[in-house]
Amino acid sequence: MSKFTDFVEKMAQDPKNQVSEVKVMKSNAGYYAGRTCFDAEMRCFVPFDRQSAYYLTSEEVKALIKKKKNLQRIMKNMRKVVA
């Protein structure tokens, strides 16, 4: 198993280690859409994943997240109509 797979399994077993919703995050490379989780051993929030490319501003990432949420809402409504 990979370290990432081990990490994901550990996260699933410990209810304190919940993964956040997608949000704007920042690194030295720029702003991006990603999630965090609480690491019980380190007792702090740590980056969990990156779900976008890097951008120059947080506003660009906010717009991207909003667009993704709207698209997910539309797809969910379409599934209801088809079903």
N, C-alpha and C. Protein backbone atom coordinates (compact mmCIF):
# COMPACT_ATOMS: atom_id res chain seq x y z
N MET A 1 0.83 -1.19 0.00
CA MET A 1 0.00 0.00 0.00
C MET A 1 0.87 1.25 0.00
N SER A 2 0.33 2.30 -0.58
CA SER A 2 1.06 3.55 -0.62
C SER A 2 0.85 4.33 0.68
N LYS A 3 1.70 5.30 0.90
CA LYS A 3 1.54 6.15 2.08
C LYS A 3 0.21 6.88 2.03
N PHE A 4 -0.19 7.32 0.82
CA PHE A 4 -1.46 8.03 0.70
C PHE A 4 -2.63 7.12 1.04
N THR A 5 -2.62 5.89 0.56
CA THR A 5 -3.68 4.94 0.87
C THR A 5 -3.74 4.69 2.37
N ASP A 6 -2.59 4.52 2.99
CA ASP A 6 -2.54 4.35 4.45
C ASP A 6 -3.14 5.56 5.16
N PHE A 7 -2.80 6.74 4.66
CA PHE A 7 -3.30 7.98 5.26
C PHE A 7 -4.82 8.06 5.14
N VAL A 8 -5.35 7.74 3.96
CA VAL A 8 -6.79 7.80 3.75
C VAL A 8 -7.51 6.80 4.66
N GLU A 9 -6.97 5.62 4.80
CA GLU A 9 -7.56 4.62 5.70
C GLU A 9 -7.55 5.11 7.14
N LYS A 10 -6.45 5.72 7.55
CA LYS A 10 -6.35 6.26 8.90
C LYS A 10 -7.40 7.34 9.11
N MET A 11 -7.59 8.19 8.10
CA MET A 11 -8.57 9.26 8.20
C MET A 11 -9.97 8.68 8.39
N ALA A 12 -10.28 7.63 7.68
CA ALA A 12 -11.61 7.03 7.75
C ALA A 12 -11.88 6.39 9.11
N GLN A 13 -10.84 5.91 9.77
CA GLN A 13 -11.00 5.22 11.04
C GLN A 13 -11.15 6.17 12.22
N ASP A 14 -10.66 7.38 12.11
CA ASP A 14 -10.68 8.31 13.23
C ASP A 14 -11.66 9.44 12.94
N PRO A 15 -12.79 9.49 13.65
CA PRO A 15 -13.80 10.51 13.37
C PRO A 15 -13.32 11.94 13.59
N LYS A 16 -12.24 12.12 14.35
CA LYS A 16 -11.69 13.46 14.55
C LYS A 16 -10.99 13.97 13.30
N ASN A 17 -10.61 13.07 12.43
CA ASN A 17 -9.86 13.42 11.23
C ASN A 17 -10.78 13.56 10.03
N GLN A 18 -11.58 14.58 10.04
CA GLN A 18 -12.53 14.78 8.95
C GLN A 18 -11.94 15.69 7.89
N VAL A 19 -12.29 15.42 6.65
CA VAL A 19 -11.81 16.22 5.53
C VAL A 19 -12.79 17.37 5.30
N SER A 20 -12.25 18.57 5.08
CA SER A 20 -13.08 19.76 4.89
C SER A 20 -13.73 19.79 3.52
N GLU A 21 -14.62 20.75 3.34
CA GLU A 21 -15.16 21.07 2.03
C GLU A 21 -14.05 21.71 1.21
N VAL A 22 -14.24 21.79 -0.09
CA VAL A 22 -13.26 22.45 -0.96
C VAL A 22 -13.24 23.93 -0.61
N LYS A 23 -12.04 24.50 -0.47
CA LYS A 23 -11.91 25.91 -0.12
C LYS A 23 -10.66 26.48 -0.77
N VAL A 24 -10.53 27.80 -0.68
CA VAL A 24 -9.34 28.46 -1.22
C VAL A 24 -8.17 28.21 -0.27
N MET A 25 -7.07 27.77 -0.86
CA MET A 25 -5.86 27.52 -0.08
C MET A 25 -4.70 28.23 -0.76
N LYS A 26 -3.62 28.40 -0.01
CA LYS A 26 -2.47 29.11 -0.57
C LYS A 26 -1.19 28.37 -0.24
N SER A 27 -0.30 28.33 -1.23
CA SER A 27 1.04 27.79 -1.03
C SER A 27 2.02 28.74 -1.69
N ASN A 28 3.29 28.42 -1.64
CA ASN A 28 4.29 29.25 -2.30
C ASN A 28 4.09 29.31 -3.81
N ALA A 29 3.40 28.30 -4.37
CA ALA A 29 3.15 28.26 -5.81
C ALA A 29 1.96 29.11 -6.22
N GLY A 30 1.11 29.51 -5.28
CA GLY A 30 -0.06 30.33 -5.58
C GLY A 30 -1.30 29.84 -4.86
N TYR A 31 -2.44 30.36 -5.27
CA TYR A 31 -3.73 29.97 -4.69
C TYR A 31 -4.30 28.78 -5.44
N TYR A 32 -5.03 27.93 -4.71
CA TYR A 32 -5.63 26.76 -5.33
C TYR A 32 -6.85 26.30 -4.56
N ALA A 33 -7.68 25.48 -5.19
CA ALA A 33 -8.83 24.87 -4.53
C ALA A 33 -8.37 23.55 -3.95
N GLY A 34 -8.65 23.35 -2.67
CA GLY A 34 -8.23 22.12 -2.02
C GLY A 34 -9.00 21.89 -0.74
N ARG A 35 -8.63 20.82 -0.06
CA ARG A 35 -9.27 20.47 1.21
C ARG A 35 -8.21 20.28 2.28
N THR A 36 -8.61 20.44 3.53
CA THR A 36 -7.74 20.19 4.66
C THR A 36 -8.34 19.09 5.53
N CYS A 37 -7.54 18.57 6.42
CA CYS A 37 -8.04 17.63 7.42
C CYS A 37 -7.29 17.89 8.72
N PHE A 38 -7.89 17.44 9.80
CA PHE A 38 -7.26 17.60 11.11
C PHE A 38 -6.41 16.38 11.40
N ASP A 39 -5.14 16.58 11.64
CA ASP A 39 -4.22 15.50 11.97
C ASP A 39 -4.15 15.42 13.49
N ALA A 40 -4.71 14.36 14.06
CA ALA A 40 -4.78 14.21 15.51
C ALA A 40 -3.40 14.11 16.15
N GLU A 41 -2.46 13.48 15.47
CA GLU A 41 -1.11 13.35 16.02
C GLU A 41 -0.41 14.70 16.10
N MET A 42 -0.56 15.49 15.05
CA MET A 42 0.10 16.80 15.01
C MET A 42 -0.76 17.88 15.67
N ARG A 43 -2.04 17.57 15.90
CA ARG A 43 -2.99 18.49 16.52
C ARG A 43 -3.12 19.81 15.76
N CYS A 44 -3.23 19.68 14.45
CA CYS A 44 -3.44 20.86 13.61
C CYS A 44 -4.04 20.43 12.27
N PHE A 45 -4.54 21.42 11.54
CA PHE A 45 -5.08 21.14 10.21
C PHE A 45 -3.93 21.09 9.21
N VAL A 46 -4.00 20.15 8.30
CA VAL A 46 -2.96 19.98 7.28
C VAL A 46 -3.63 19.87 5.91
N PRO A 47 -2.93 20.25 4.85
CA PRO A 47 -3.50 20.09 3.51
C PRO A 47 -3.79 18.61 3.23
N PHE A 48 -4.95 18.35 2.61
CA PHE A 48 -5.33 16.98 2.27
C PHE A 48 -5.15 16.71 0.79
N ASP A 49 -5.63 17.65 -0.05
CA ASP A 49 -5.46 17.47 -1.49
C ASP A 49 -5.57 18.81 -2.21
N ARG A 50 -5.20 18.80 -3.47
CA ARG A 50 -5.32 19.97 -4.34
C ARG A 50 -6.21 19.56 -5.49
N GLN A 51 -7.27 20.36 -5.75
CA GLN A 51 -8.25 19.99 -6.77
C GLN A 51 -8.28 20.97 -7.93
N SER A 52 -7.26 21.78 -8.06
CA SER A 52 -7.20 22.72 -9.17
C SER A 52 -5.75 23.04 -9.50
N ALA A 53 -5.59 23.80 -10.56
CA ALA A 53 -4.27 24.34 -10.88
C ALA A 53 -4.00 25.49 -9.90
N TYR A 54 -2.83 26.08 -9.99
CA TYR A 54 -2.49 27.24 -9.17
C TYR A 54 -2.92 28.51 -9.89
N TYR A 55 -3.38 29.50 -9.12
CA TYR A 55 -3.84 30.78 -9.66
C TYR A 55 -3.13 31.92 -8.94
N LEU A 56 -3.13 33.08 -9.57
CA LEU A 56 -2.46 34.24 -8.99
C LEU A 56 -3.26 34.88 -7.86
N THR A 57 -4.60 34.81 -7.92
CA THR A 57 -5.42 35.46 -6.89
C THR A 57 -6.41 34.49 -6.26
N SER A 58 -6.81 34.82 -5.04
CA SER A 58 -7.81 34.00 -4.35
C SER A 58 -9.18 34.16 -5.01
N GLU A 59 -9.44 35.34 -5.62
CA GLU A 59 -10.71 35.58 -6.27
C GLU A 59 -10.93 34.62 -7.44
N GLU A 60 -9.88 34.30 -8.17
CA GLU A 60 -9.99 33.35 -9.28
C GLU A 60 -10.41 31.98 -8.76
N VAL A 61 -9.85 31.58 -7.64
CA VAL A 61 -10.17 30.27 -7.07
C VAL A 61 -11.59 30.27 -6.51
N LYS A 62 -12.00 31.37 -5.86
CA LYS A 62 -13.38 31.48 -5.36
C LYS A 62 -14.38 31.32 -6.50
N ALA A 63 -14.10 31.97 -7.63
CA ALA A 63 -14.99 31.85 -8.79
C ALA A 63 -15.03 30.43 -9.31
N LEU A 64 -13.89 29.77 -9.33
CA LEU A 64 -13.82 28.39 -9.79
C LEU A 64 -14.64 27.47 -8.88
N ILE A 65 -14.51 27.64 -7.58
CA ILE A 65 -15.26 26.81 -6.62
C ILE A 65 -16.76 27.06 -6.78
N LYS A 66 -17.15 28.32 -6.93
CA LYS A 66 -18.57 28.65 -7.11
C LYS A 66 -19.12 28.01 -8.38
N LYS A 67 -18.34 28.08 -9.45
CA LYS A 67 -18.76 27.48 -10.73
C LYS A 67 -18.93 25.97 -10.58
N LYS A 68 -18.00 25.33 -9.88
CA LYS A 68 -18.07 23.88 -9.67
C LYS A 68 -19.31 23.51 -8.86
N LYS A 69 -19.60 24.27 -7.80
CA LYS A 69 -20.78 23.99 -6.97
C LYS A 69 -22.05 24.17 -7.78
N ASN A 70 -22.12 25.21 -8.60
CA ASN A 70 -23.30 25.42 -9.45
C ASN A 70 -23.48 24.27 -10.43
N LEU A 71 -22.40 23.81 -11.02
CA LEU A 71 -22.45 22.70 -11.96
C LEU A 71 -22.93 21.43 -11.26
N GLN A 72 -22.43 21.18 -10.05
CA GLN A 72 -22.86 20.00 -9.30
C GLN A 72 -24.35 20.08 -8.98
N ARG A 73 -24.84 21.28 -8.63
CA ARG A 73 -26.26 21.46 -8.33
C ARG A 73 -27.11 21.19 -9.57
N ILE A 74 -26.68 21.69 -10.71
CA ILE A 74 -27.41 21.48 -11.97
C ILE A 74 -27.45 19.99 -12.32
N MET A 75 -26.32 19.31 -12.18
CA MET A 75 -26.27 17.88 -12.49
C MET A 75 -27.19 17.08 -11.55
N LYS A 76 -27.21 17.46 -10.30
CA LYS A 76 -28.08 16.78 -9.34
C LYS A 76 -29.54 16.96 -9.72
N ASN A 77 -29.93 18.17 -10.11
CA ASN A 77 -31.32 18.43 -10.54
C ASN A 77 -31.64 17.68 -11.82
N MET A 78 -30.68 17.56 -12.72
CA MET A 78 -30.92 16.82 -13.97
C MET A 78 -31.16 15.34 -13.67
N ARG A 79 -30.43 14.80 -12.72
CA ARG A 79 -30.63 13.38 -12.36
C ARG A 79 -32.03 13.16 -11.81
N LYS A 80 -32.55 14.12 -11.06
CA LYS A 80 -33.91 14.00 -10.52
C LYS A 80 -34.94 13.99 -11.65
N VAL A 81 -34.73 14.81 -12.65
CA VAL A 81 -35.66 14.91 -13.79
C VAL A 81 -35.65 13.61 -14.58
N VAL A 82 -34.47 13.04 -14.78
CA VAL A 82 -34.33 11.81 -15.58
C VAL A 82 -34.88 10.61 -14.83
N ALA A 83 -34.72 10.59 -13.52
CA ALA A 83 -35.14 9.42 -12.72
C ALA A 83 -36.62 9.29 -12.57
